[in-house]
Structure formats: C-alpha cells, structure tokens
Amino acid sequence: AGAASLTDPLLIAESLRLARVAFDALLGRTTTEDMLDALFGRFCIG
C-alpha cells in the first residue's frame, strides 16, 4: 500500500523490499533460533 502511494522510485523500491522481507520470513528464509526452538518444540520426539 505504501509503494502504491509513492512516486519516488527509491522509496518505492524500499517499500517493495520490506514486502519481500515479510514473504521471506513467512517461508523461513529469514528467521531466529528462538522462534525455531519454539516451533519445533511443539513436535513429539521421533
């Protein structure tokens, strides 16, 4: 939404980068060990 409201290409590029960061986090391409520990701790042994 921010990218759609802007006219400066540099600011548009930054908004698109932020959207891409969110997509990467959804798929686990950028994440933290604490979050992974919490997720996989839900699984049973085996």
PDB file of all heavy atoms in Angstrom:
ATOM      1  N   ALA A   1       0.839  -1.203   0.000  1.00  0.00           N
ATOM      2  CA  ALA A   1       0.000   0.000   0.000  1.00  0.00           C
ATOM      3  C   ALA A   1       0.872   1.250   0.000  1.00  0.00           C
ATOM      4  O   ALA A   1       0.574   2.239  -0.684  1.00  0.00           O
ATOM      5  CB  ALA A   1      -0.932  -0.009   1.209  1.00  0.00           C
ATOM      6  N   GLY A   2       1.982   1.193   0.763  1.00  0.00           N
ATOM      7  CA  GLY A   2       2.902   2.320   0.770  1.00  0.00           C
ATOM      8  C   GLY A   2       3.542   2.538  -0.583  1.00  0.00           C
ATOM      9  O   GLY A   2       3.663   3.681  -1.054  1.00  0.00           O
ATOM     10  N   ALA A   3       3.934   1.449  -1.243  1.00  0.00           N
ATOM     11  CA  ALA A   3       4.548   1.565  -2.566  1.00  0.00           C
ATOM     12  C   ALA A   3       3.577   2.170  -3.577  1.00  0.00           C
ATOM     13  O   ALA A   3       3.964   2.956  -4.439  1.00  0.00           O
ATOM     14  CB  ALA A   3       5.018   0.190  -3.037  1.00  0.00           C
ATOM     15  N   ALA A   4       2.296   1.797  -3.452  1.00  0.00           N
ATOM     16  CA  ALA A   4       1.298   2.307  -4.403  1.00  0.00           C
ATOM     17  C   ALA A   4       1.022   3.791  -4.229  1.00  0.00           C
ATOM     18  O   ALA A   4       0.560   4.452  -5.164  1.00  0.00           O
ATOM     19  CB  ALA A   4       0.000   1.517  -4.247  1.00  0.00           C
ATOM     20  N   SER A   5       1.329   4.323  -3.045  1.00  0.00           N
ATOM     21  CA  SER A   5       1.032   5.736  -2.776  1.00  0.00           C
ATOM     22  C   SER A   5       2.220   6.650  -3.049  1.00  0.00           C
ATOM     23  O   SER A   5       2.097   7.869  -2.916  1.00  0.00           O
ATOM     24  CB  SER A   5       0.589   5.899  -1.317  1.00  0.00           C
ATOM     25  OG  SER A   5       1.667   5.604  -0.423  1.00  0.00           O
ATOM     26  N   LEU A   6       3.369   6.073  -3.402  1.00  0.00           N
ATOM     27  CA  LEU A   6       4.587   6.866  -3.570  1.00  0.00           C
ATOM     28  C   LEU A   6       4.881   7.143  -5.044  1.00  0.00           C
ATOM     29  O   LEU A   6       4.387   6.443  -5.938  1.00  0.00           O
ATOM     30  CB  LEU A   6       5.769   6.122  -2.938  1.00  0.00           C
ATOM     31  CG  LEU A   6       5.689   5.879  -1.417  1.00  0.00           C
ATOM     32  CD1 LEU A   6       6.768   4.906  -0.984  1.00  0.00           C
ATOM     33  CD2 LEU A   6       5.827   7.197  -0.664  1.00  0.00           C
ATOM     34  N   THR A   7       5.701   8.155  -5.265  1.00  0.00           N
ATOM     35  CA  THR A   7       6.132   8.480  -6.627  1.00  0.00           C
ATOM     36  C   THR A   7       7.641   8.401  -6.796  1.00  0.00           C
ATOM     37  O   THR A   7       8.134   8.226  -7.912  1.00  0.00           O
ATOM     38  CB  THR A   7       5.676   9.900  -7.013  1.00  0.00           C
ATOM     39  OG1 THR A   7       6.186  10.841  -6.050  1.00  0.00           O
ATOM     40  CG2 THR A   7       4.141   9.969  -7.041  1.00  0.00           C
ATOM     41  N   ASP A   8       8.388   8.516  -5.715  1.00  0.00           N
ATOM     42  CA  ASP A   8       9.845   8.448  -5.768  1.00  0.00           C
ATOM     43  C   ASP A   8      10.269   6.990  -5.951  1.00  0.00           C
ATOM     44  O   ASP A   8       9.991   6.146  -5.087  1.00  0.00           O
ATOM     45  CB  ASP A   8      10.431   9.004  -4.471  1.00  0.00           C
ATOM     46  CG  ASP A   8      11.959   9.117  -4.519  1.00  0.00           C
ATOM     47  OD1 ASP A   8      12.591   8.336  -5.261  1.00  0.00           O
ATOM     48  OD2 ASP A   8      12.507   9.970  -3.804  1.00  0.00           O
ATOM     49  N   PRO A   9      10.948   6.643  -7.043  1.00  0.00           N
ATOM     50  CA  PRO A   9      11.343   5.246  -7.269  1.00  0.00           C
ATOM     51  C   PRO A   9      12.181   4.659  -6.139  1.00  0.00           C
ATOM     52  O   PRO A   9      12.072   3.465  -5.841  1.00  0.00           O
ATOM     53  CB  PRO A   9      12.134   5.316  -8.582  1.00  0.00           C
ATOM     54  CG  PRO A   9      11.622   6.534  -9.265  1.00  0.00           C
ATOM     55  CD  PRO A   9      11.315   7.508  -8.178  1.00  0.00           C
ATOM     56  N   LEU A  10      13.008   5.474  -5.506  1.00  0.00           N
ATOM     57  CA  LEU A  10      13.841   4.976  -4.417  1.00  0.00           C
ATOM     58  C   LEU A  10      12.981   4.536  -3.235  1.00  0.00           C
ATOM     59  O   LEU A  10      13.218   3.470  -2.638  1.00  0.00           O
ATOM     60  CB  LEU A  10      14.833   6.063  -3.982  1.00  0.00           C
ATOM     61  CG  LEU A  10      15.969   5.615  -3.055  1.00  0.00           C
ATOM     62  CD1 LEU A  10      16.827   4.557  -3.743  1.00  0.00           C
ATOM     63  CD2 LEU A  10      16.815   6.806  -2.645  1.00  0.00           C
ATOM     64  N   LEU A  11      11.972   5.311  -2.895  1.00  0.00           N
ATOM     65  CA  LEU A  11      11.087   4.952  -1.795  1.00  0.00           C
ATOM     66  C   LEU A  11      10.195   3.760  -2.162  1.00  0.00           C
ATOM     67  O   LEU A  11       9.900   2.907  -1.322  1.00  0.00           O
ATOM     68  CB  LEU A  11      10.227   6.159  -1.400  1.00  0.00           C
ATOM     69  CG  LEU A  11      10.981   7.376  -0.860  1.00  0.00           C
ATOM     70  CD1 LEU A  11      10.014   8.513  -0.548  1.00  0.00           C
ATOM     71  CD2 LEU A  11      11.786   7.003   0.383  1.00  0.00           C
ATOM     72  N   ILE A  12       9.800   3.715  -3.430  1.00  0.00           N
ATOM     73  CA  ILE A  12       9.016   2.562  -3.880  1.00  0.00           C
ATOM     74  C   ILE A  12       9.837   1.285  -3.748  1.00  0.00           C
ATOM     75  O   ILE A  12       9.339   0.248  -3.285  1.00  0.00           O
ATOM     76  CB  ILE A  12       8.558   2.769  -5.336  1.00  0.00           C
ATOM     77  CG1 ILE A  12       7.560   3.925  -5.423  1.00  0.00           C
ATOM     78  CG2 ILE A  12       7.932   1.487  -5.888  1.00  0.00           C
ATOM     79  CD1 ILE A  12       7.174   4.288  -6.841  1.00  0.00           C
ATOM     80  N   ALA A  13      11.098   1.355  -4.146  1.00  0.00           N
ATOM     81  CA  ALA A  13      11.977   0.186  -4.058  1.00  0.00           C
ATOM     82  C   ALA A  13      12.108  -0.292  -2.620  1.00  0.00           C
ATOM     83  O   ALA A  13      12.110  -1.499  -2.348  1.00  0.00           O
ATOM     84  CB  ALA A  13      13.345   0.518  -4.645  1.00  0.00           C
ATOM     85  N   GLU A  14      12.206   0.641  -1.667  1.00  0.00           N
ATOM     86  CA  GLU A  14      12.328   0.264  -0.265  1.00  0.00           C
ATOM     87  C   GLU A  14      11.048  -0.395   0.242  1.00  0.00           C
ATOM     88  O   GLU A  14      11.098  -1.377   0.986  1.00  0.00           O
ATOM     89  CB  GLU A  14      12.661   1.495   0.588  1.00  0.00           C
ATOM     90  CG  GLU A  14      12.694   1.261   2.082  1.00  0.00           C
ATOM     91  CD  GLU A  14      13.725   0.224   2.510  1.00  0.00           C
ATOM     92  OE1 GLU A  14      14.620  -0.121   1.712  1.00  0.00           O
ATOM     93  OE2 GLU A  14      13.634  -0.242   3.663  1.00  0.00           O
ATOM     94  N   SER A  15       9.904   0.114  -0.163  1.00  0.00           N
ATOM     95  CA  SER A  15       8.638  -0.499   0.251  1.00  0.00           C
ATOM     96  C   SER A  15       8.508  -1.911  -0.304  1.00  0.00           C
ATOM     97  O   SER A  15       8.060  -2.834   0.395  1.00  0.00           O
ATOM     98  CB  SER A  15       7.456   0.363  -0.222  1.00  0.00           C
ATOM     99  OG  SER A  15       7.436   1.610   0.435  1.00  0.00           O
ATOM    100  N   LEU A  16       8.910  -2.099  -1.548  1.00  0.00           N
ATOM    101  CA  LEU A  16       8.861  -3.439  -2.132  1.00  0.00           C
ATOM    102  C   LEU A  16       9.832  -4.377  -1.429  1.00  0.00           C
ATOM    103  O   LEU A  16       9.553  -5.570  -1.260  1.00  0.00           O
ATOM    104  CB  LEU A  16       9.164  -3.372  -3.626  1.00  0.00           C
ATOM    105  CG  LEU A  16       8.160  -2.592  -4.491  1.00  0.00           C
ATOM    106  CD1 LEU A  16       8.589  -2.631  -5.955  1.00  0.00           C
ATOM    107  CD2 LEU A  16       6.755  -3.160  -4.337  1.00  0.00           C
ATOM    108  N   ARG A  17      10.976  -3.848  -1.006  1.00  0.00           N
ATOM    109  CA  ARG A  17      11.942  -4.674  -0.271  1.00  0.00           C
ATOM    110  C   ARG A  17      11.340  -5.139   1.055  1.00  0.00           C
ATOM    111  O   ARG A  17      11.511  -6.305   1.455  1.00  0.00           O
ATOM    112  CB  ARG A  17      13.223  -3.887  -0.015  1.00  0.00           C
ATOM    113  CG  ARG A  17      14.340  -4.720   0.626  1.00  0.00           C
ATOM    114  CD  ARG A  17      15.487  -3.858   1.118  1.00  0.00           C
ATOM    115  NE  ARG A  17      15.071  -3.039   2.263  1.00  0.00           N
ATOM    116  CZ  ARG A  17      15.028  -3.511   3.514  1.00  0.00           C
ATOM    117  NH1 ARG A  17      15.339  -4.761   3.780  1.00  0.00           N
ATOM    118  NH2 ARG A  17      14.654  -2.703   4.487  1.00  0.00           N
ATOM    119  N   LEU A  18      10.624  -4.256   1.739  1.00  0.00           N
ATOM    120  CA  LEU A  18      10.004  -4.629   3.006  1.00  0.00           C
ATOM    121  C   LEU A  18       8.952  -5.729   2.815  1.00  0.00           C
ATOM    122  O   LEU A  18       8.835  -6.641   3.641  1.00  0.00           O
ATOM    123  CB  LEU A  18       9.369  -3.401   3.654  1.00  0.00           C
ATOM    124  CG  LEU A  18      10.338  -2.324   4.154  1.00  0.00           C
ATOM    125  CD1 LEU A  18       9.572  -1.102   4.658  1.00  0.00           C
ATOM    126  CD2 LEU A  18      11.243  -2.874   5.250  1.00  0.00           C
ATOM    127  N   ALA A  19       8.210  -5.649   1.723  1.00  0.00           N
ATOM    128  CA  ALA A  19       7.243  -6.706   1.428  1.00  0.00           C
ATOM    129  C   ALA A  19       7.948  -8.025   1.175  1.00  0.00           C
ATOM    130  O   ALA A  19       7.503  -9.094   1.626  1.00  0.00           O
ATOM    131  CB  ALA A  19       6.392  -6.311   0.223  1.00  0.00           C
ATOM    132  N   ARG A  20       9.074  -7.975   0.478  1.00  0.00           N
ATOM    133  CA  ARG A  20       9.828  -9.193   0.185  1.00  0.00           C
ATOM    134  C   ARG A  20      10.408  -9.798   1.466  1.00  0.00           C
ATOM    135  O   ARG A  20      10.446 -11.026   1.629  1.00  0.00           O
ATOM    136  CB  ARG A  20      10.943  -8.887  -0.817  1.00  0.00           C
ATOM    137  CG  ARG A  20      11.636 -10.143  -1.353  1.00  0.00           C
ATOM    138  CD  ARG A  20      12.518  -9.828  -2.541  1.00  0.00           C
ATOM    139  NE  ARG A  20      13.642  -8.966  -2.190  1.00  0.00           N
ATOM    140  CZ  ARG A  20      13.746  -7.693  -2.570  1.00  0.00           C
ATOM    141  NH1 ARG A  20      12.788  -7.129  -3.288  1.00  0.00           N
ATOM    142  NH2 ARG A  20      14.797  -6.985  -2.229  1.00  0.00           N
ATOM    143  N   VAL A  21      10.843  -8.950   2.389  1.00  0.00           N
ATOM    144  CA  VAL A  21      11.338  -9.438   3.682  1.00  0.00           C
ATOM    145  C   VAL A  21      10.235 -10.193   4.422  1.00  0.00           C
ATOM    146  O   VAL A  21      10.476 -11.240   5.028  1.00  0.00           O
ATOM    147  CB  VAL A  21      11.857  -8.257   4.537  1.00  0.00           C
ATOM    148  CG1 VAL A  21      12.085  -8.688   5.977  1.00  0.00           C
ATOM    149  CG2 VAL A  21      13.152  -7.716   3.947  1.00  0.00           C
ATOM    150  N   ALA A  22       9.010  -9.682   4.371  1.00  0.00           N
ATOM    151  CA  ALA A  22       7.890 -10.364   5.027  1.00  0.00           C
ATOM    152  C   ALA A  22       7.629 -11.725   4.383  1.00  0.00           C
ATOM    153  O   ALA A  22       7.382 -12.715   5.081  1.00  0.00           O
ATOM    154  CB  ALA A  22       6.640  -9.487   4.958  1.00  0.00           C
ATOM    155  N   PHE A  23       7.683 -11.779   3.051  1.00  0.00           N
ATOM    156  CA  PHE A  23       7.492 -13.056   2.361  1.00  0.00           C
ATOM    157  C   PHE A  23       8.580 -14.056   2.752  1.00  0.00           C
ATOM    158  O   PHE A  23       8.304 -15.245   2.982  1.00  0.00           O
ATOM    159  CB  PHE A  23       7.496 -12.851   0.839  1.00  0.00           C
ATOM    160  CG  PHE A  23       6.286 -12.132   0.313  1.00  0.00           C
ATOM    161  CD1 PHE A  23       6.358 -11.422  -0.882  1.00  0.00           C
ATOM    162  CD2 PHE A  23       5.084 -12.151   0.993  1.00  0.00           C
ATOM    163  CE1 PHE A  23       5.252 -10.757  -1.383  1.00  0.00           C
ATOM    164  CE2 PHE A  23       3.971 -11.486   0.511  1.00  0.00           C
ATOM    165  CZ  PHE A  23       4.055 -10.785  -0.687  1.00  0.00           C
ATOM    166  N   ASP A  24       9.819 -13.596   2.816  1.00  0.00           N
ATOM    167  CA  ASP A  24      10.918 -14.487   3.187  1.00  0.00           C
ATOM    168  C   ASP A  24      10.748 -15.018   4.606  1.00  0.00           C
ATOM    169  O   ASP A  24      11.041 -16.189   4.888  1.00  0.00           O
ATOM    170  CB  ASP A  24      12.257 -13.752   3.061  1.00  0.00           C
ATOM    171  CG  ASP A  24      12.668 -13.531   1.607  1.00  0.00           C
ATOM    172  OD1 ASP A  24      12.096 -14.198   0.723  1.00  0.00           O
ATOM    173  OD2 ASP A  24      13.551 -12.681   1.356  1.00  0.00           O
ATOM    174  N   ALA A  25      10.256 -14.161   5.503  1.00  0.00           N
ATOM    175  CA  ALA A  25      10.027 -14.605   6.876  1.00  0.00           C
ATOM    176  C   ALA A  25       8.904 -15.634   6.948  1.00  0.00           C
ATOM    177  O   ALA A  25       8.949 -16.570   7.759  1.00  0.00           O
ATOM    178  CB  ALA A  25       9.704 -13.405   7.769  1.00  0.00           C
ATOM    179  N   LEU A  26       7.909 -15.492   6.105  1.00  0.00           N
ATOM    180  CA  LEU A  26       6.818 -16.466   6.073  1.00  0.00           C
ATOM    181  C   LEU A  26       7.320 -17.862   5.736  1.00  0.00           C
ATOM    182  O   LEU A  26       6.858 -18.864   6.299  1.00  0.00           O
ATOM    183  CB  LEU A  26       5.763 -16.037   5.052  1.00  0.00           C
ATOM    184  CG  LEU A  26       4.784 -14.943   5.480  1.00  0.00           C
ATOM    185  CD1 LEU A  26       4.030 -14.402   4.281  1.00  0.00           C
ATOM    186  CD2 LEU A  26       3.812 -15.484   6.512  1.00  0.00           C
ATOM    187  N   LEU A  27       8.272 -17.928   4.815  1.00  0.00           N
ATOM    188  CA  LEU A  27       8.791 -19.225   4.361  1.00  0.00           C
ATOM    189  C   LEU A  27      10.005 -19.693   5.159  1.00  0.00           C
ATOM    190  O   LEU A  27      10.506 -20.788   4.921  1.00  0.00           O
ATOM    191  CB  LEU A  27       9.146 -19.141   2.872  1.00  0.00           C
ATOM    192  CG  LEU A  27       7.980 -18.802   1.938  1.00  0.00           C
ATOM    193  CD1 LEU A  27       8.462 -18.694   0.508  1.00  0.00           C
ATOM    194  CD2 LEU A  27       6.867 -19.833   2.057  1.00  0.00           C
ATOM    195  N   GLY A  28      10.497 -18.852   6.079  1.00  0.00           N
ATOM    196  CA  GLY A  28      11.620 -19.263   6.910  1.00  0.00           C
ATOM    197  C   GLY A  28      12.969 -18.947   6.326  1.00  0.00           C
ATOM    198  O   GLY A  28      13.979 -19.480   6.787  1.00  0.00           O
ATOM    199  N   ARG A  29      13.022 -18.075   5.319  1.00  0.00           N
ATOM    200  CA  ARG A  29      14.324 -17.715   4.753  1.00  0.00           C
ATOM    201  C   ARG A  29      15.047 -16.688   5.609  1.00  0.00           C
ATOM    202  O   ARG A  29      16.245 -16.509   5.482  1.00  0.00           O
ATOM    203  CB  ARG A  29      14.125 -17.163   3.330  1.00  0.00           C
ATOM    204  CG  ARG A  29      13.688 -18.251   2.364  1.00  0.00           C
ATOM    205  CD  ARG A  29      13.272 -17.720   1.022  1.00  0.00           C
ATOM    206  NE  ARG A  29      12.868 -18.812   0.149  1.00  0.00           N
ATOM    207  CZ  ARG A  29      12.145 -18.661  -0.950  1.00  0.00           C
ATOM    208  NH1 ARG A  29      11.773 -17.445  -1.313  1.00  0.00           N
ATOM    209  NH2 ARG A  29      11.815 -19.699  -1.683  1.00  0.00           N
ATOM    210  N   THR A  30      14.317 -16.009   6.450  1.00  0.00           N
ATOM    211  CA  THR A  30      14.910 -15.149   7.471  1.00  0.00           C
ATOM    212  C   THR A  30      14.173 -15.442   8.757  1.00  0.00           C
ATOM    213  O   THR A  30      12.965 -15.240   8.844  1.00  0.00           O
ATOM    214  CB  THR A  30      14.729 -13.654   7.119  1.00  0.00           C
ATOM    215  OG1 THR A  30      13.329 -13.369   6.937  1.00  0.00           O
ATOM    216  CG2 THR A  30      15.483 -13.311   5.854  1.00  0.00           C
ATOM    217  N   THR A  31      14.857 -15.956   9.751  1.00  0.00           N
ATOM    218  CA  THR A  31      14.205 -16.345  10.995  1.00  0.00           C
ATOM    219  C   THR A  31      15.206 -16.333  12.130  1.00  0.00           C
ATOM    220  O   THR A  31      16.385 -16.042  11.929  1.00  0.00           O
ATOM    221  CB  THR A  31      13.552 -17.730  10.841  1.00  0.00           C
ATOM    222  OG1 THR A  31      12.789 -18.020  12.002  1.00  0.00           O
ATOM    223  CG2 THR A  31      14.603 -18.825  10.660  1.00  0.00           C
ATOM    224  N   THR A  32      14.760 -16.650  13.336  1.00  0.00           N
ATOM    225  CA  THR A  32      15.631 -16.665  14.505  1.00  0.00           C
ATOM    226  C   THR A  32      15.613 -18.046  15.141  1.00  0.00           C
ATOM    227  O   THR A  32      14.641 -18.799  15.012  1.00  0.00           O
ATOM    228  CB  THR A  32      15.170 -15.627  15.544  1.00  0.00           C
ATOM    229  OG1 THR A  32      13.864 -16.021  16.043  1.00  0.00           O
ATOM    230  CG2 THR A  32      15.071 -14.236  14.925  1.00  0.00           C
ATOM    231  N   GLU A  33      16.680 -18.357  15.860  1.00  0.00           N
ATOM    232  CA  GLU A  33      16.767 -19.652  16.520  1.00  0.00           C
ATOM    233  C   GLU A  33      15.699 -19.803  17.591  1.00  0.00           C
ATOM    234  O   GLU A  33      15.155 -20.882  17.787  1.00  0.00           O
ATOM    235  CB  GLU A  33      18.168 -19.831  17.127  1.00  0.00           C
ATOM    236  CG  GLU A  33      19.250 -20.094  16.105  1.00  0.00           C
ATOM    237  CD  GLU A  33      18.993 -21.362  15.294  1.00  0.00           C
ATOM    238  OE1 GLU A  33      18.712 -22.415  15.903  1.00  0.00           O
ATOM    239  OE2 GLU A  33      19.048 -21.293  14.055  1.00  0.00           O
ATOM    240  N   ASP A  34      15.393 -18.712  18.312  1.00  0.00           N
ATOM    241  CA  ASP A  34      14.377 -18.794  19.362  1.00  0.00           C
ATOM    242  C   ASP A  34      13.027 -19.181  18.786  1.00  0.00           C
ATOM    243  O   ASP A  34      12.296 -19.997  19.355  1.00  0.00           O
ATOM    244  CB  ASP A  34      14.266 -17.450  20.091  1.00  0.00           C
ATOM    245  CG  ASP A  34      15.454 -17.175  20.984  1.00  0.00           C
ATOM    246  OD1 ASP A  34      16.215 -18.134  21.260  1.00  0.00           O
ATOM    247  OD2 ASP A  34      15.647 -16.030  21.402  1.00  0.00           O
ATOM    248  N   MET A  35      12.685 -18.581  17.642  1.00  0.00           N
ATOM    249  CA  MET A  35      11.407 -18.902  17.024  1.00  0.00           C
ATOM    250  C   MET A  35      11.378 -20.345  16.551  1.00  0.00           C
ATOM    251  O   MET A  35      10.384 -21.060  16.718  1.00  0.00           O
ATOM    252  CB  MET A  35      11.143 -17.935  15.863  1.00  0.00           C
ATOM    253  CG  MET A  35       9.715 -18.019  15.292  1.00  0.00           C
ATOM    254  SD  MET A  35       9.512 -19.315  14.075  1.00  0.00           S
ATOM    255  CE  MET A  35      10.420 -18.589  12.730  1.00  0.00           C
ATOM    256  N   LEU A  36      12.486 -20.813  15.976  1.00  0.00           N
ATOM    257  CA  LEU A  36      12.555 -22.200  15.530  1.00  0.00           C
ATOM    258  C   LEU A  36      12.474 -23.157  16.715  1.00  0.00           C
ATOM    259  O   LEU A  36      11.822 -24.204  16.634  1.00  0.00           O
ATOM    260  CB  LEU A  36      13.848 -22.433  14.749  1.00  0.00           C
ATOM    261  CG  LEU A  36      13.967 -21.707  13.398  1.00  0.00           C
ATOM    262  CD1 LEU A  36      15.318 -21.999  12.764  1.00  0.00           C
ATOM    263  CD2 LEU A  36      12.844 -22.118  12.458  1.00  0.00           C
ATOM    264  N   ASP A  37      13.138 -22.809  17.808  1.00  0.00           N
ATOM    265  CA  ASP A  37      13.067 -23.658  19.004  1.00  0.00           C
ATOM    266  C   ASP A  37      11.628 -23.790  19.483  1.00  0.00           C
ATOM    267  O   ASP A  37      11.179 -24.879  19.860  1.00  0.00           O
ATOM    268  CB  ASP A  37      13.931 -23.073  20.124  1.00  0.00           C
ATOM    269  CG  ASP A  37      15.425 -23.208  19.835  1.00  0.00           C
ATOM    270  OD1 ASP A  37      15.784 -24.031  18.966  1.00  0.00           O
ATOM    271  OD2 ASP A  37      16.213 -22.490  20.473  1.00  0.00           O
ATOM    272  N   ALA A  38      10.900 -22.667  19.479  1.00  0.00           N
ATOM    273  CA  ALA A  38       9.513 -22.688  19.940  1.00  0.00           C
ATOM    274  C   ALA A  38       8.642 -23.529  19.016  1.00  0.00           C
ATOM    275  O   ALA A  38       7.781 -24.291  19.469  1.00  0.00           O
ATOM    276  CB  ALA A  38       8.966 -21.264  20.027  1.00  0.00           C
ATOM    277  N   LEU A  39       8.860 -23.408  17.694  1.00  0.00           N
ATOM    278  CA  LEU A  39       8.046 -24.167  16.748  1.00  0.00           C
ATOM    279  C   LEU A  39       8.322 -25.654  16.849  1.00  0.00           C
ATOM    280  O   LEU A  39       7.410 -26.461  17.058  1.00  0.00           O
ATOM    281  CB  LEU A  39       8.306 -23.678  15.316  1.00  0.00           C
ATOM    282  CG  LEU A  39       7.724 -24.567  14.204  1.00  0.00           C
ATOM    283  CD1 LEU A  39       6.210 -24.642  14.309  1.00  0.00           C
ATOM    284  CD2 LEU A  39       8.149 -24.069  12.834  1.00  0.00           C
ATOM    285  N   PHE A  40       9.572 -26.048  16.708  1.00  0.00           N
ATOM    286  CA  PHE A  40       9.869 -27.468  16.653  1.00  0.00           C
ATOM    287  C   PHE A  40       9.755 -28.135  18.021  1.00  0.00           C
ATOM    288  O   PHE A  40       9.660 -29.359  18.107  1.00  0.00           O
ATOM    289  CB  PHE A  40      11.247 -27.688  16.030  1.00  0.00           C
ATOM    290  CG  PHE A  40      11.290 -27.310  14.572  1.00  0.00           C
ATOM    291  CD1 PHE A  40      11.986 -26.198  14.132  1.00  0.00           C
ATOM    292  CD2 PHE A  40      10.589 -28.046  13.640  1.00  0.00           C
ATOM    293  CE1 PHE A  40      12.007 -25.840  12.809  1.00  0.00           C
ATOM    294  CE2 PHE A  40      10.594 -27.692  12.288  1.00  0.00           C
ATOM    295  CZ  PHE A  40      11.306 -26.589  11.881  1.00  0.00           C
ATOM    296  N   GLY A  41       9.746 -27.341  19.086  1.00  0.00           N
ATOM    297  CA  GLY A  41       9.480 -27.892  20.398  1.00  0.00           C
ATOM    298  C   GLY A  41       8.062 -28.404  20.539  1.00  0.00           C
ATOM    299  O   GLY A  41       7.750 -29.149  21.469  1.00  0.00           O
ATOM    300  N   ARG A  42       7.149 -28.001  19.622  1.00  0.00           N
ATOM    301  CA  ARG A  42       5.768 -28.487  19.642  1.00  0.00           C
ATOM    302  C   ARG A  42       5.675 -29.939  19.162  1.00  0.00           C
ATOM    303  O   ARG A  42       4.706 -30.616  19.445  1.00  0.00           O
ATOM    304  CB  ARG A  42       4.884 -27.626  18.732  1.00  0.00           C
ATOM    305  CG  ARG A  42       4.696 -26.194  19.201  1.00  0.00           C
ATOM    306  CD  ARG A  42       3.979 -25.370  18.149  1.00  0.00           C
ATOM    307  NE  ARG A  42       2.719 -25.973  17.740  1.00  0.00           N
ATOM    308  CZ  ARG A  42       2.026 -25.580  16.667  1.00  0.00           C
ATOM    309  NH1 ARG A  42       2.488 -24.610  15.910  1.00  0.00           N
ATOM    310  NH2 ARG A  42       0.866 -26.176  16.361  1.00  0.00           N
ATOM    311  N   PHE A  43       6.689 -30.408  18.430  1.00  0.00           N
ATOM    312  CA  PHE A  43       6.653 -31.752  17.890  1.00  0.00           C
ATOM    313  C   PHE A  43       7.011 -32.775  18.947  1.00  0.00           C
ATOM    314  O   PHE A  43       7.695 -32.467  19.928  1.00  0.00           O
ATOM    315  CB  PHE A  43       7.625 -31.890  16.718  1.00  0.00           C
ATOM    316  CG  PHE A  43       7.211 -31.158  15.466  1.00  0.00           C
ATOM    317  CD1 PHE A  43       7.398 -29.790  15.352  1.00  0.00           C
ATOM    318  CD2 PHE A  43       6.644 -31.836  14.418  1.00  0.00           C
ATOM    319  CE1 PHE A  43       7.022 -29.108  14.206  1.00  0.00           C
ATOM    320  CE2 PHE A  43       6.258 -31.174  13.254  1.00  0.00           C
ATOM    321  CZ  PHE A  43       6.465 -29.809  13.160  1.00  0.00           C
ATOM    322  N   CYS A  44       6.586 -33.998  18.737  1.00  0.00           N
ATOM    323  CA  CYS A  44       6.974 -35.073  19.639  1.00  0.00           C
ATOM    324  C   CYS A  44       8.377 -35.559  19.265  1.00  0.00           C
ATOM    325  O   CYS A  44       8.880 -35.270  18.179  1.00  0.00           O
ATOM    326  CB  CYS A  44       5.994 -36.230  19.539  1.00  0.00           C
ATOM    327  SG  CYS A  44       5.841 -36.909  17.855  1.00  0.00           S
ATOM    328  N   ILE A  45       9.007 -36.272  20.172  1.00  0.00           N
ATOM    329  CA  ILE A  45      10.291 -36.915  19.857  1.00  0.00           C
ATOM    330  C   ILE A  45      10.042 -38.001  18.815  1.00  0.00           C
ATOM    331  O   ILE A  45       9.095 -38.768  18.920  1.00  0.00           O
ATOM    332  CB  ILE A  45      10.915 -37.511  21.126  1.00  0.00           C
ATOM    333  CG1 ILE A  45      11.280 -36.377  22.101  1.00  0.00           C
ATOM    334  CG2 ILE A  45      12.141 -38.345  20.795  1.00  0.00           C
ATOM    335  CD1 ILE A  45      11.770 -36.864  23.438  1.00  0.00           C
ATOM    336  N   GLY A  46      10.861 -38.037  17.811  1.00  0.00           N
ATOM    337  CA  GLY A  46      10.685 -39.014  16.739  1.00  0.00           C
ATOM    338  C   GLY A  46      10.048 -38.423  15.499  1.00  0.00           C
ATOM    339  O   GLY A  46       9.894 -39.127  14.493  1.00  0.00           O
TER     340      GLY A  46
END
